[in-house]
Amino acid sequence: MLELYPTRPVVSNNAALLASYNAHPDSPLMGSQCLTSDQALSLLDKGAKFEAIVCIDKDGEEVLNKIGHDASSDVEFDTRVEYFSMEAARDIDVDAIHSKVKGENFMLYGMG
């Protein structure tokens, strides 16, 4: 049986980002958690369905391949995919990543 998992993961192999993002109090309210590529792949293997995925820099390509996402395709896709570049950023900006997780029509869990 699949246990609870984030439906809007951020995929990154950056240990500092994982710690900062997962410690932020708003992340779980958004159904989000920062996962490594291997953690996200493991959840998919167990049957997880993601509402949205935010890939940081080049991380997450294996995850997108696993779910069949093709960025060059115009086909409607069940999982919203966002990209965020931290290569140019000097500091970890969790709030900026949260804005990608939220997308449009977002409502915090338990609110509204």
Protein backbone atom coordinates (compact mmCIF):
# COMPACT_ATOMS: atom_id res chain seq x y z
CA MET A 1 0.00 0.00 0.00
CA LEU A 2 1.27 3.45 -0.92
CA GLU A 3 1.80 5.75 2.04
CA LEU A 4 1.30 9.52 2.05
CA TYR A 5 3.54 11.33 -0.38
CA PRO A 6 3.90 14.86 -1.76
CA THR A 7 1.70 15.47 -4.80
CA ARG A 8 3.76 18.51 -5.89
CA PRO A 9 7.40 17.50 -5.40
CA VAL A 10 10.42 19.64 -6.14
CA VAL A 11 13.18 17.46 -7.58
CA SER A 12 16.76 18.35 -6.72
CA ASN A 13 19.91 16.54 -5.70
CA ASN A 14 21.22 19.66 -3.91
CA ALA A 15 21.46 18.75 -0.19
CA ALA A 16 21.29 22.38 0.98
CA LEU A 17 18.11 23.00 -1.03
CA LEU A 18 16.51 19.79 0.25
CA ALA A 19 17.14 20.85 3.85
CA SER A 20 15.95 24.45 3.37
CA TYR A 21 12.88 23.58 1.32
CA ASN A 22 11.71 20.75 3.57
CA ALA A 23 12.21 22.89 6.70
CA HIS A 24 10.03 25.71 5.34
CA PRO A 25 6.59 25.64 7.06
CA ASP A 26 4.64 26.33 3.83
CA SER A 27 6.03 23.37 1.87
CA PRO A 28 3.82 20.68 3.46
CA LEU A 29 0.79 22.97 3.27
CA MET A 30 1.23 22.93 -0.50
CA GLY A 31 1.52 19.15 -0.64
CA SER A 32 5.15 19.66 -1.55
CA GLN A 33 8.49 18.30 -0.48
CA CYS A 34 11.93 18.43 -2.04
CA LEU A 35 12.97 14.96 -3.18
CA THR A 36 16.05 13.56 -4.84
CA SER A 37 15.56 12.04 -8.28
CA ASP A 38 15.91 8.56 -6.75
CA GLN A 39 13.24 9.30 -4.12
CA ALA A 40 10.80 10.57 -6.75
CA LEU A 41 11.46 7.55 -8.97
CA SER A 42 10.87 5.22 -6.02
CA LEU A 43 7.49 6.84 -5.35
CA LEU A 44 6.52 6.49 -9.01
CA ASP A 45 7.49 2.81 -8.90
CA LYS A 46 5.11 2.41 -5.95
CA GLY A 47 2.24 4.00 -7.91
CA ALA A 48 2.46 7.68 -6.92
CA LYS A 49 0.69 10.24 -9.12
CA PHE A 50 2.07 13.76 -9.10
CA GLU A 51 -0.11 16.80 -9.72
CA ALA A 52 2.94 18.96 -10.45
CA ILE A 53 6.70 18.56 -10.51
CA VAL A 54 9.26 21.36 -10.26
CA CYS A 55 12.66 20.36 -11.61
CA ILE A 56 15.63 22.33 -10.32
CA ASP A 57 18.34 22.94 -12.92
CA LYS A 58 19.04 19.61 -14.67
CA ASP A 59 17.70 17.42 -11.86
CA GLY A 60 14.55 15.42 -12.51
CA GLU A 61 15.09 14.42 -16.14
CA GLU A 62 14.89 10.73 -15.19
CA VAL A 63 11.61 11.40 -13.39
CA LEU A 64 10.15 13.18 -16.42
CA ASN A 65 11.24 10.31 -18.66
CA LYS A 66 9.58 7.82 -16.30
CA ILE A 67 6.22 9.61 -16.48
CA GLY A 68 6.54 10.11 -20.23
CA HIS A 69 6.82 13.90 -20.29
CA ASP A 70 8.15 15.37 -23.53
CA ALA A 71 8.85 19.11 -23.26
CA SER A 72 8.78 19.50 -27.05
CA SER A 73 5.31 18.02 -27.38
CA ASP A 74 2.07 20.03 -27.46
CA VAL A 75 0.13 17.09 -26.01
CA GLU A 76 -1.88 17.87 -22.85
CA PHE A 77 -0.18 16.21 -19.89
CA ASP A 78 -1.69 15.10 -16.56
CA THR A 79 1.24 16.34 -14.49
CA ARG A 80 2.15 20.04 -14.63
CA VAL A 81 5.90 20.38 -15.09
CA GLU A 82 7.82 23.52 -14.11
CA TYR A 83 11.51 24.29 -14.30
CA PHE A 84 13.52 26.48 -11.93
CA SER A 85 17.13 27.53 -12.41
CA MET A 86 19.29 27.96 -9.34
CA GLU A 87 22.53 28.10 -11.32
CA ALA A 88 22.45 31.90 -11.42
CA ALA A 89 21.06 32.33 -7.90
CA ARG A 90 23.45 33.03 -5.08
CA ASP A 91 21.00 32.11 -2.31
CA ILE A 92 18.33 29.46 -2.00
CA ASP A 93 14.99 31.22 -2.55
CA VAL A 94 12.34 28.83 -1.26
CA ASP A 95 9.57 31.39 -1.81
CA ALA A 96 10.45 31.66 -5.51
CA ILE A 97 10.32 27.87 -5.84
CA HIS A 98 6.97 27.86 -4.01
CA SER A 99 5.59 30.19 -6.68
CA LYS A 100 6.46 27.54 -9.30
CA VAL A 101 4.86 24.81 -7.19
CA LYS A 102 1.66 26.82 -6.82
CA GLY A 103 1.13 27.56 -10.50
CA GLU A 104 -2.32 28.93 -11.34
CA ASN A 105 -5.53 28.15 -9.48
CA PHE A 106 -3.66 27.10 -6.36
CA MET A 107 -5.23 26.83 -2.92
CA LEU A 108 -3.44 25.79 0.28
CA TYR A 109 -4.61 22.45 1.68
CA GLY A 110 -7.22 22.97 4.33
CA MET A 111 -7.92 26.54 3.25
CA GLY A 112 -11.07 27.58 1.39
